[in-house]
C-alpha atoms as a PDB file:
ATOM      1  CA  LYS A   1     -11.704  -1.379  -6.435  1.00  0.00           C
ATOM      2  CA  PHE A   2      -9.173   1.261  -5.163  1.00  0.00           C
ATOM      3  CA  ARG A   3      -9.538   5.055  -5.707  1.00  0.00           C
ATOM      4  CA  TRP A   4      -6.401   7.052  -5.294  1.00  0.00           C
ATOM      5  CA  SER A   5      -6.275  10.837  -4.714  1.00  0.00           C
ATOM      6  CA  LEU A   6      -3.836  13.595  -3.774  1.00  0.00           C
ATOM      7  CA  GLN A   7      -4.104  16.806  -2.092  1.00  0.00           C
ATOM      8  CA  ASN A   8      -1.338  19.002  -3.364  1.00  0.00           C
ATOM      9  CA  PRO A   9       0.369  21.764  -1.250  1.00  0.00           C
ATOM     10  CA  GLY A  10      -1.930  24.753  -1.072  1.00  0.00           C
ATOM     11  CA  SER A  11      -4.967  22.881  -1.972  1.00  0.00           C
ATOM     12  CA  SER A  12      -7.974  22.145   0.284  1.00  0.00           C
ATOM     13  CA  THR A  13      -9.400  19.135  -1.700  1.00  0.00           C
ATOM     14  CA  HIS A  14      -8.245  15.840  -2.838  1.00  0.00           C
ATOM     15  CA  VAL A  15      -8.162  15.154  -6.479  1.00  0.00           C
ATOM     16  CA  VAL A  16      -8.684  11.699  -7.899  1.00  0.00           C
ATOM     17  CA  VAL A  17      -5.703  10.304  -9.775  1.00  0.00           C
ATOM     18  CA  ALA A  18      -7.040   9.443 -13.195  1.00  0.00           C
ATOM     19  CA  GLY A  19      -6.362   5.762 -14.195  1.00  0.00           C
ATOM     20  CA  ALA A  20      -5.002   4.810 -10.764  1.00  0.00           C
ATOM     21  CA  ASN A  21      -7.332   1.945  -9.550  1.00  0.00           C
ATOM     22  CA  GLY A  22      -4.776  -0.705  -8.599  1.00  0.00           C
ATOM     23  CA  ASN A  23      -3.395  -1.527  -5.111  1.00  0.00           C
ATOM     24  CA  SER A  24      -0.415   0.923  -5.372  1.00  0.00           C
ATOM     25  CA  LEU A  25       0.387   4.409  -6.597  1.00  0.00           C
ATOM     26  CA  ALA A  26       3.607   6.020  -7.673  1.00  0.00           C
ATOM     27  CA  VAL A  27       4.017   9.687  -7.063  1.00  0.00           C
ATOM     28  CA  ASP A  28       6.718  11.574  -9.103  1.00  0.00           C
ATOM     29  CA  PRO A  29       8.631  13.880  -6.581  1.00  0.00           C
ATOM     30  CA  SER A  30       9.962  15.984  -9.558  1.00  0.00           C
ATOM     31  CA  ASN A  31       6.472  17.473  -9.667  1.00  0.00           C
ATOM     32  CA  TYR A  32       6.977  19.101  -6.255  1.00  0.00           C
ATOM     33  CA  THR A  33       9.563  21.065  -4.312  1.00  0.00           C
ATOM     34  CA  ALA A  34      11.625  19.428  -1.667  1.00  0.00           C
ATOM     35  CA  GLY A  35       9.787  19.884   1.737  1.00  0.00           C
ATOM     36  CA  ASP A  36       6.317  19.932   0.093  1.00  0.00           C
ATOM     37  CA  ILE A  37       3.669  18.041   1.976  1.00  0.00           C
ATOM     38  CA  VAL A  38       1.373  15.958  -0.113  1.00  0.00           C
ATOM     39  CA  GLU A  39      -1.660  13.954   1.157  1.00  0.00           C
ATOM     40  CA  VAL A  40      -1.991  10.677  -0.466  1.00  0.00           C
ATOM     41  CA  ARG A  41      -5.304   8.931  -0.055  1.00  0.00           C
ATOM     42  CA  VAL A  42      -6.733   5.544  -0.979  1.00  0.00           C
ATOM     43  CA  GLU A  43     -10.491   4.548  -0.739  1.00  0.00           C
ATOM     44  CA  ILE A  44     -11.396   1.000  -1.064  1.00  0.00           C
ATOM     45  CA  PHE A  45     -14.816  -0.092  -2.543  1.00  0.00           C
ATOM     46  CA  ASP A  46     -16.535  -3.387  -2.309  1.00  0.00           C
ATOM     47  CA  ARG A  47     -17.897  -5.125  -5.363  1.00  0.00           C
ATOM     48  CA  LYS A  48     -21.194  -3.144  -4.978  1.00  0.00           C
ATOM     49  CA  ALA A  49     -19.217   0.110  -4.936  1.00  0.00           C
ATOM     50  CA  THR A  50     -20.939   1.101  -1.823  1.00  0.00           C
ATOM     51  CA  PRO A  51     -20.387   4.758  -1.242  1.00  0.00           C
ATOM     52  CA  ILE A  52     -18.141   5.958   1.587  1.00  0.00           C
ATOM     53  CA  PRO A  53     -20.309   8.412   3.607  1.00  0.00           C
ATOM     54  CA  CYS A  54     -17.524   9.864   5.817  1.00  0.00           C
ATOM     55  CA  PRO A  55     -16.670  13.676   5.325  1.00  0.00           C
ATOM     56  CA  ASP A  56     -13.701  14.309   3.217  1.00  0.00           C
ATOM     57  CA  SER A  57     -11.987  15.861   6.248  1.00  0.00           C
ATOM     58  CA  GLU A  58     -11.730  12.403   7.947  1.00  0.00           C
ATOM     59  CA  LEU A  59      -8.209  10.992   7.264  1.00  0.00           C
ATOM     60  CA  THR A  60      -9.242   7.407   8.024  1.00  0.00           C
ATOM     61  CA  CYS A  61     -12.912   6.018   7.628  1.00  0.00           C
ATOM     62  CA  SER A  62     -14.683   2.835   8.460  1.00  0.00           C
ATOM     63  CA  THR A  63     -18.288   2.369   7.064  1.00  0.00           C
ATOM     64  CA  ILE A  64     -18.962  -0.872   8.928  1.00  0.00           C
ATOM     65  CA  SER A  65     -19.151  -1.616  12.647  1.00  0.00           C
ATOM     66  CA  GLN A  66     -15.618  -2.936  12.863  1.00  0.00           C
ATOM     67  CA  PRO A  67     -13.594   0.363  13.096  1.00  0.00           C
ATOM     68  CA  SER A  68     -10.233  -1.384  12.333  1.00  0.00           C
ATOM     69  CA  CYS A  69     -11.551  -2.302   8.873  1.00  0.00           C
ATOM     70  CA  LEU A  70     -10.659   0.939   6.980  1.00  0.00           C
ATOM     71  CA  GLN A  71     -12.249   2.049   3.643  1.00  0.00           C
ATOM     72  CA  ARG A  72     -10.275   5.134   3.618  1.00  0.00           C
ATOM     73  CA  GLN A  73      -6.534   5.794   4.654  1.00  0.00           C
ATOM     74  CA  THR A  74      -4.688   9.050   4.160  1.00  0.00           C
ATOM     75  CA  TRP A  75      -0.922   9.671   4.585  1.00  0.00           C
ATOM     76  CA  ARG A  76       0.895  13.012   4.789  1.00  0.00           C
ATOM     77  CA  VAL A  77       4.104  12.598   2.593  1.00  0.00           C
ATOM     78  CA  GLU A  78       7.019  14.952   2.709  1.00  0.00           C
ATOM     79  CA  VAL A  79       8.740  15.316  -0.684  1.00  0.00           C
ATOM     80  CA  ARG A  80      12.499  14.909  -0.487  1.00  0.00           C
END
Protein backbone atom coordinates (compact mmCIF):
# COMPACT_ATOMS: atom_id res chain seq x y z
CA LYS A 1 0.00 0.00 0.00
CA PHE A 2 1.19 3.50 -0.81
CA ARG A 3 0.47 6.52 1.38
CA TRP A 4 1.02 9.89 -0.28
CA SER A 5 1.34 13.19 1.55
CA LEU A 6 2.18 16.81 0.77
CA GLN A 7 3.90 19.51 2.77
CA ASN A 8 2.67 22.80 1.35
CA PRO A 9 4.68 26.04 1.39
CA GLY A 10 4.70 27.59 4.86
CA SER A 11 3.65 24.33 6.53
CA SER A 12 5.78 22.25 8.88
CA THR A 13 3.87 18.97 8.54
CA HIS A 14 2.97 16.54 5.80
CA VAL A 15 -0.75 16.08 5.17
CA VAL A 16 -1.94 12.73 3.84
CA VAL A 17 -3.69 13.03 0.46
CA ALA A 18 -7.09 11.39 0.98
CA GLY A 19 -7.86 8.63 -1.50
CA ALA A 20 -4.32 8.54 -2.97
CA ASN A 21 -3.05 5.02 -2.36
CA GLY A 22 -1.85 3.87 -5.80
CA ASN A 23 1.68 3.99 -7.19
CA SER A 24 1.43 7.55 -8.54
CA LEU A 25 0.16 10.98 -7.52
CA ALA A 26 -0.89 13.94 -9.65
CA VAL A 27 -0.39 17.38 -8.11
CA ASP A 28 -2.37 20.27 -9.64
CA PRO A 29 0.02 23.22 -10.05
CA SER A 30 -2.91 25.64 -10.25
CA ASN A 31 -3.28 25.21 -6.46
CA TYR A 32 0.09 26.94 -5.99
CA THR A 33 2.08 30.00 -7.05
CA ALA A 34 4.97 29.64 -9.48
CA GLY A 35 8.16 29.18 -7.47
CA ASP A 36 6.47 27.51 -4.49
CA ILE A 37 8.34 24.51 -3.09
CA VAL A 38 6.12 21.53 -2.25
CA GLU A 39 7.36 18.37 -0.54
CA VAL A 40 5.81 15.25 -2.05
CA ARG A 41 6.21 12.10 0.03
CA VAL A 42 5.35 8.47 -0.47
CA GLU A 43 5.47 5.80 2.24
CA ILE A 44 5.23 2.16 1.24
CA PHE A 45 3.68 -0.42 3.56
CA ASP A 46 3.89 -4.20 3.44
CA ARG A 47 0.86 -6.47 3.60
CA LYS A 48 0.98 -6.34 7.43
CA ALA A 49 0.94 -2.50 7.40
CA THR A 50 4.08 -2.46 9.54
CA PRO A 51 4.47 1.06 10.99
CA ILE A 52 7.34 3.22 9.76
CA PRO A 53 9.17 4.20 12.95
CA CYS A 54 11.36 6.96 11.48
CA PRO A 55 10.81 10.57 12.57
CA ASP A 56 8.74 12.72 10.19
CA SER A 57 11.80 14.92 9.62
CA GLU A 58 13.66 12.10 7.83
CA LEU A 59 13.20 12.55 4.08
CA THR A 60 14.06 8.93 3.31
CA CYS A 61 13.68 5.97 5.59
CA SER A 62 14.44 2.27 5.62
CA THR A 63 12.96 0.13 8.36
CA ILE A 64 14.92 -3.02 7.55
CA SER A 65 18.62 -3.81 7.66
CA GLN A 66 19.04 -3.06 3.94
CA PRO A 67 19.33 0.77 3.76
CA SER A 68 18.81 0.86 -0.01
CA CYS A 69 15.30 -0.61 0.44
CA LEU A 70 13.31 2.53 1.20
CA GLN A 71 9.91 2.65 2.84
CA ARG A 72 9.79 6.46 2.61
CA GLN A 73 10.90 8.81 -0.14
CA THR A 74 10.41 12.59 -0.19
CA TRP A 75 10.91 14.98 -3.09
CA ARG A 76 11.09 18.78 -3.01
CA VAL A 77 9.28 20.01 -6.11
CA GLU A 78 9.27 23.57 -7.46
CA VAL A 79 5.95 24.66 -8.97
CA ARG A 80 6.26 26.17 -12.46
